[in-house]
C-alpha atoms as a PDB file:
ATOM      1  CA  MET A   1      29.569  91.978  92.121  1.00  0.00           C
ATOM      2  CA  TYR A   2      30.038  90.760  88.302  1.00  0.00           C
ATOM      3  CA  GLY A   3      33.909  92.100  88.477  1.00  0.00           C
ATOM      4  CA  ASN A   4      35.229  93.621  85.752  1.00  0.00           C
ATOM      5  CA  VAL A   5      33.781  92.633  82.030  1.00  0.00           C
ATOM      6  CA  TRP A   6      34.931  93.946  78.633  1.00  0.00           C
ATOM      7  CA  LEU A   7      32.132  95.148  76.178  1.00  0.00           C
ATOM      8  CA  LEU A   8      32.631  96.871  72.785  1.00  0.00           C
ATOM      9  CA  TYR A   9      32.125 100.552  72.967  1.00  0.00           C
ATOM     10  CA  GLY A  10      28.974 101.536  70.932  1.00  0.00           C
ATOM     11  CA  LYS A  11      31.119 103.739  68.847  1.00  0.00           C
ATOM     12  CA  MET A  12      33.463 102.436  66.125  1.00  0.00           C
ATOM     13  CA  TYR A  13      36.717 104.833  65.628  1.00  0.00           C
ATOM     14  CA  GLY A  14      38.477 104.614  62.197  1.00  0.00           C
ATOM     15  CA  ASN A  15      39.082 100.690  62.359  1.00  0.00           C
ATOM     16  CA  VAL A  16      39.224  99.969  66.014  1.00  0.00           C
ATOM     17  CA  TRP A  17      36.477  99.032  67.687  1.00  0.00           C
ATOM     18  CA  GLN A  18      36.748 100.732  71.320  1.00  0.00           C
ATOM     19  CA  LEU A  19      36.956  98.749  74.193  1.00  0.00           C
ATOM     20  CA  LYS A  20      35.542  99.722  77.594  1.00  0.00           C
ATOM     21  CA  GLU A  21      35.910  98.540  81.127  1.00  0.00           C
ATOM     22  CA  GLN A  22      32.570  97.889  82.447  1.00  0.00           C
ATOM     23  CA  GLY A  23      33.111  98.712  86.588  1.00  0.00           C
ATOM     24  CA  MET A  24      31.643  99.253  89.729  1.00  0.00           C
ATOM     25  CA  LYS A  25      30.974 102.966  88.925  1.00  0.00           C
ATOM     26  CA  LYS A  26      29.386 105.084  92.137  1.00  0.00           C
ATOM     27  CA  LYS A  27      26.420 107.264  91.509  1.00  0.00           C
ATOM     28  CA  ILE A  28      26.563 111.144  92.392  1.00  0.00           C
ATOM     29  CA  THR A  29      25.117 114.047  91.831  1.00  0.00           C
ATOM     30  CA  VAL A  30      26.461 117.362  91.239  1.00  0.00           C
ATOM     31  CA  ARG A  31      25.059 120.766  90.276  1.00  0.00           C
ATOM     32  CA  ILE A  32      27.055 122.581  87.782  1.00  0.00           C
ATOM     33  CA  SER A  33      26.484 125.592  85.634  1.00  0.00           C
ATOM     34  CA  GLU A  34      24.425 125.682  82.541  1.00  0.00           C
ATOM     35  CA  ASP A  35      26.997 126.700  80.129  1.00  0.00           C
ATOM     36  CA  LEU A  36      28.910 123.882  81.428  1.00  0.00           C
ATOM     37  CA  ALA A  37      26.747 121.619  81.109  1.00  0.00           C
ATOM     38  CA  ASN A  38      25.391 122.390  77.437  1.00  0.00           C
ATOM     39  CA  LEU A  39      29.068 122.454  76.752  1.00  0.00           C
ATOM     40  CA  ILE A  40      29.250 118.602  78.178  1.00  0.00           C
ATOM     41  CA  ASP A  41      26.328 117.780  76.102  1.00  0.00           C
ATOM     42  CA  THR A  42      27.578 119.298  73.048  1.00  0.00           C
ATOM     43  CA  HIS A  43      30.904 117.345  73.207  1.00  0.00           C
ATOM     44  CA  SER A  44      29.054 114.431  74.108  1.00  0.00           C
ATOM     45  CA  SER A  45      26.869 114.646  70.755  1.00  0.00           C
ATOM     46  CA  GLN A  46      30.146 115.216  69.069  1.00  0.00           C
ATOM     47  CA  THR A  47      32.132 112.481  70.155  1.00  0.00           C
ATOM     48  CA  GLY A  48      29.767 109.729  71.011  1.00  0.00           C
ATOM     49  CA  LEU A  49      31.412 109.812  74.610  1.00  0.00           C
ATOM     50  CA  SER A  50      28.648 109.436  77.245  1.00  0.00           C
ATOM     51  CA  LYS A  51      28.739 112.425  80.099  1.00  0.00           C
ATOM     52  CA  THR A  52      30.161 110.102  82.058  1.00  0.00           C
ATOM     53  CA  ASP A  53      32.949 109.359  80.165  1.00  0.00           C
ATOM     54  CA  ILE A  54      33.470 112.818  79.278  1.00  0.00           C
ATOM     55  CA  LEU A  55      33.372 114.235  82.911  1.00  0.00           C
ATOM     56  CA  GLU A  56      35.734 111.286  83.682  1.00  0.00           C
ATOM     57  CA  LYS A  57      38.432 112.150  81.723  1.00  0.00           C
ATOM     58  CA  ALA A  58      38.046 116.046  83.033  1.00  0.00           C
ATOM     59  CA  LEU A  59      38.462 114.993  86.421  1.00  0.00           C
ATOM     60  CA  ARG A  60      41.462 112.335  85.916  1.00  0.00           C
ATOM     61  CA  MET A  61      43.147 115.225  84.408  1.00  0.00           C
ATOM     62  CA  PHE A  62      42.506 117.501  86.799  1.00  0.00           C
ATOM     63  CA  PHE A  63      43.477 115.358  89.480  1.00  0.00           C
ATOM     64  CA  GLU A  64      46.370 114.885  87.547  1.00  0.00           C
ATOM     65  CA  ASN A  65      47.652 118.153  86.975  1.00  0.00           C
ATOM     66  CA  ALA A  66      46.817 118.831  90.599  1.00  0.00           C
ATOM     67  CA  GLY A  67      49.747 115.911  91.602  1.00  0.00           C
ATOM     68  CA  HIS A  68      52.139 117.727  88.873  1.00  0.00           C
ATOM     69  CA  LYS A  69      51.351 121.010  90.443  1.00  0.00           C
ATOM     70  CA  GLU A  70      52.510 119.764  94.137  1.00  0.00           C
ATOM     71  CA  LYS A  71      55.723 117.985  92.348  1.00  0.00           C
ATOM     72  CA  GLU A  72      56.401 121.163  90.997  1.00  0.00           C
ATOM     73  CA  LEU A  73      55.596 123.204  94.224  1.00  0.00           C
ATOM     74  CA  GLU A  74      58.310 121.073  95.975  1.00  0.00           C
ATOM     75  CA  LEU A  75      61.003 121.423  93.042  1.00  0.00           C
ATOM     76  CA  PHE A  76      60.250 124.737  92.935  1.00  0.00           C
ATOM     77  CA  GLN A  77      60.399 125.343  97.100  1.00  0.00           C
ATOM     78  CA  LYS A  78      63.938 123.035  96.510  1.00  0.00           C
ATOM     79  CA  GLU A  79      65.262 125.399  93.960  1.00  0.00           C
ATOM     80  CA  ASN A  80      64.454 128.595  96.480  1.00  0.00           C
ATOM     81  CA  GLU A  81      66.331 126.593  98.859  1.00  0.00           C
ATOM     82  CA  GLN A  82      69.211 125.904  96.587  1.00  0.00           C
ATOM     83  CA  LEU A  83      69.017 129.805  95.841  1.00  0.00           C
ATOM     84  CA  LYS A  84      68.987 131.245  99.699  1.00  0.00           C
ATOM     85  CA  MET A  85      72.212 129.000 100.314  1.00  0.00           C
ATOM     86  CA  ALA A  86      73.825 130.500  97.137  1.00  0.00           C
ATOM     87  CA  ILE A  87      73.292 134.090  98.466  1.00  0.00           C
ATOM     88  CA  GLN A  88      74.241 132.913 101.384  1.00  0.00           C
ATOM     89  CA  ILE A  89      77.745 131.752 100.162  1.00  0.00           C
ATOM     90  CA  LEU A  90      78.038 134.469  97.674  1.00  0.00           C
ATOM     91  CA  SER A  91      77.696 136.954 100.787  1.00  0.00           C
ATOM     92  CA  GLU A  92      80.650 135.431 102.757  1.00  0.00           C
ATOM     93  CA  LYS A  93      82.530 135.068 100.006  1.00  0.00           C
ATOM     94  CA  GLN A  94      81.548 139.077  99.566  1.00  0.00           C
ATOM     95  CA  LYS A  95      83.059 139.638 103.369  1.00  0.00           C
ATOM     96  CA  ALA A  96      85.424 137.960 102.860  1.00  0.00           C
ATOM     97  CA  VAL A  97      87.145 139.711  99.428  1.00  0.00           C
ATOM     98  CA  GLU A  98      85.821 142.791 101.503  1.00  0.00           C
ATOM     99  CA  LYS A  99      88.087 142.034 104.276  1.00  0.00           C
ATOM    100  CA  VAL A 100      91.080 141.288 102.073  1.00  0.00           C
ATOM    101  CA  GLU A 101      90.582 144.644 100.432  1.00  0.00           C
ATOM    102  CA  GLU A 102      90.634 146.483 103.481  1.00  0.00           C
ATOM    103  CA  THR A 103      93.512 144.587 104.809  1.00  0.00           C
ATOM    104  CA  PHE A 104      95.278 145.582 101.415  1.00  0.00           C
ATOM    105  CA  ARG A 105      94.491 149.268 101.789  1.00  0.00           C
ATOM    106  CA  GLU A 106      95.803 149.118 104.913  1.00  0.00           C
ATOM    107  CA  LEU A 107      99.022 147.459 103.811  1.00  0.00           C
ATOM    108  CA  ILE A 108      98.938 150.093 100.673  1.00  0.00           C
ATOM    109  CA  GLN A 109      98.141 153.067 103.434  1.00  0.00           C
ATOM    110  CA  GLU A 110     101.132 151.647 105.659  1.00  0.00           C
ATOM    111  CA  LYS A 111     103.482 151.396 102.539  1.00  0.00           C
ATOM    112  CA  GLU A 112     103.008 154.751 101.552  1.00  0.00           C
ATOM    113  CA  LYS A 113     103.707 156.498 104.471  1.00  0.00           C
ATOM    114  CA  ARG A 114     106.683 154.184 104.723  1.00  0.00           C
ATOM    115  CA  ILE A 115     107.560 155.573 101.467  1.00  0.00           C
ATOM    116  CA  GLU A 116     107.063 158.683 103.189  1.00  0.00           C
ATOM    117  CA  GLU A 117     109.291 158.626 105.774  1.00  0.00           C
ATOM    118  CA  LEU A 118     111.914 157.050 103.560  1.00  0.00           C
ATOM    119  CA  LYS A 119     111.845 160.123 101.306  1.00  0.00           C
ATOM    120  CA  GLU A 120     112.199 162.443 104.462  1.00  0.00           C
ATOM    121  CA  ARG A 121     114.892 161.116 105.838  1.00  0.00           C
ATOM    122  CA  LEU A 122     116.690 160.524 102.050  1.00  0.00           C
ATOM    123  CA  GLN A 123     116.057 164.137 101.951  1.00  0.00           C
ATOM    124  CA  GLU A 124     117.528 164.748 105.231  1.00  0.00           C
ATOM    125  CA  LEU A 125     120.506 162.336 104.583  1.00  0.00           C
ATOM    126  CA  GLN A 126     121.052 164.877 101.083  1.00  0.00           C
ATOM    127  CA  GLU A 127     121.432 167.810 103.061  1.00  0.00           C
ATOM    128  CA  ARG A 128     123.573 166.533 105.502  1.00  0.00           C
ATOM    129  CA  ARG A 129     126.013 165.427 102.746  1.00  0.00           C
ATOM    130  CA  LYS A 130     125.586 169.007 100.853  1.00  0.00           C
ATOM    131  CA  LYS A 131     126.418 170.760 103.903  1.00  0.00           C
ATOM    132  CA  SER A 132     129.228 168.224 105.171  1.00  0.00           C
ATOM    133  CA  PHE A 133     130.845 168.580 102.279  1.00  0.00           C
ATOM    134  CA  TRP A 134     131.261 172.230 101.830  1.00  0.00           C
ATOM    135  CA  GLN A 135     131.887 172.697 105.409  1.00  0.00           C
ATOM    136  CA  PHE A 136     135.004 170.477 104.921  1.00  0.00           C
ATOM    137  CA  TRP A 137     135.974 173.124 101.976  1.00  0.00           C
ATOM    138  CA  LYS A 138     135.274 176.373 104.219  1.00  0.00           C
END
């Protein structure tokens, strides 16, 4: 009805009067535990803040943190997706490396087999030479 009106808040903090926005507020009724009510009463008497101000601040902090938690959760989900992609890429690279290793093992086996064949062939040739040389002298 009256719009927003700025009023001097009842207590002076340091050398500064705190201004309070007097806006439209909705009255609600809630039930809380007795120990929590006692904490609110104690904090109110120690700081000079009204119970409404204490609860408003606490609720605002709760909902602001809830928003941060949702953002953190989104970030964690994005990081999780990126990690899954990295694992997939590394897995594919590992498979490629294993394939290359297998190809090299096969090549090495082929080369070793070929070396053995050549050694056998060389030995045969050396034996033929010896025989043919001695046969020549006989």
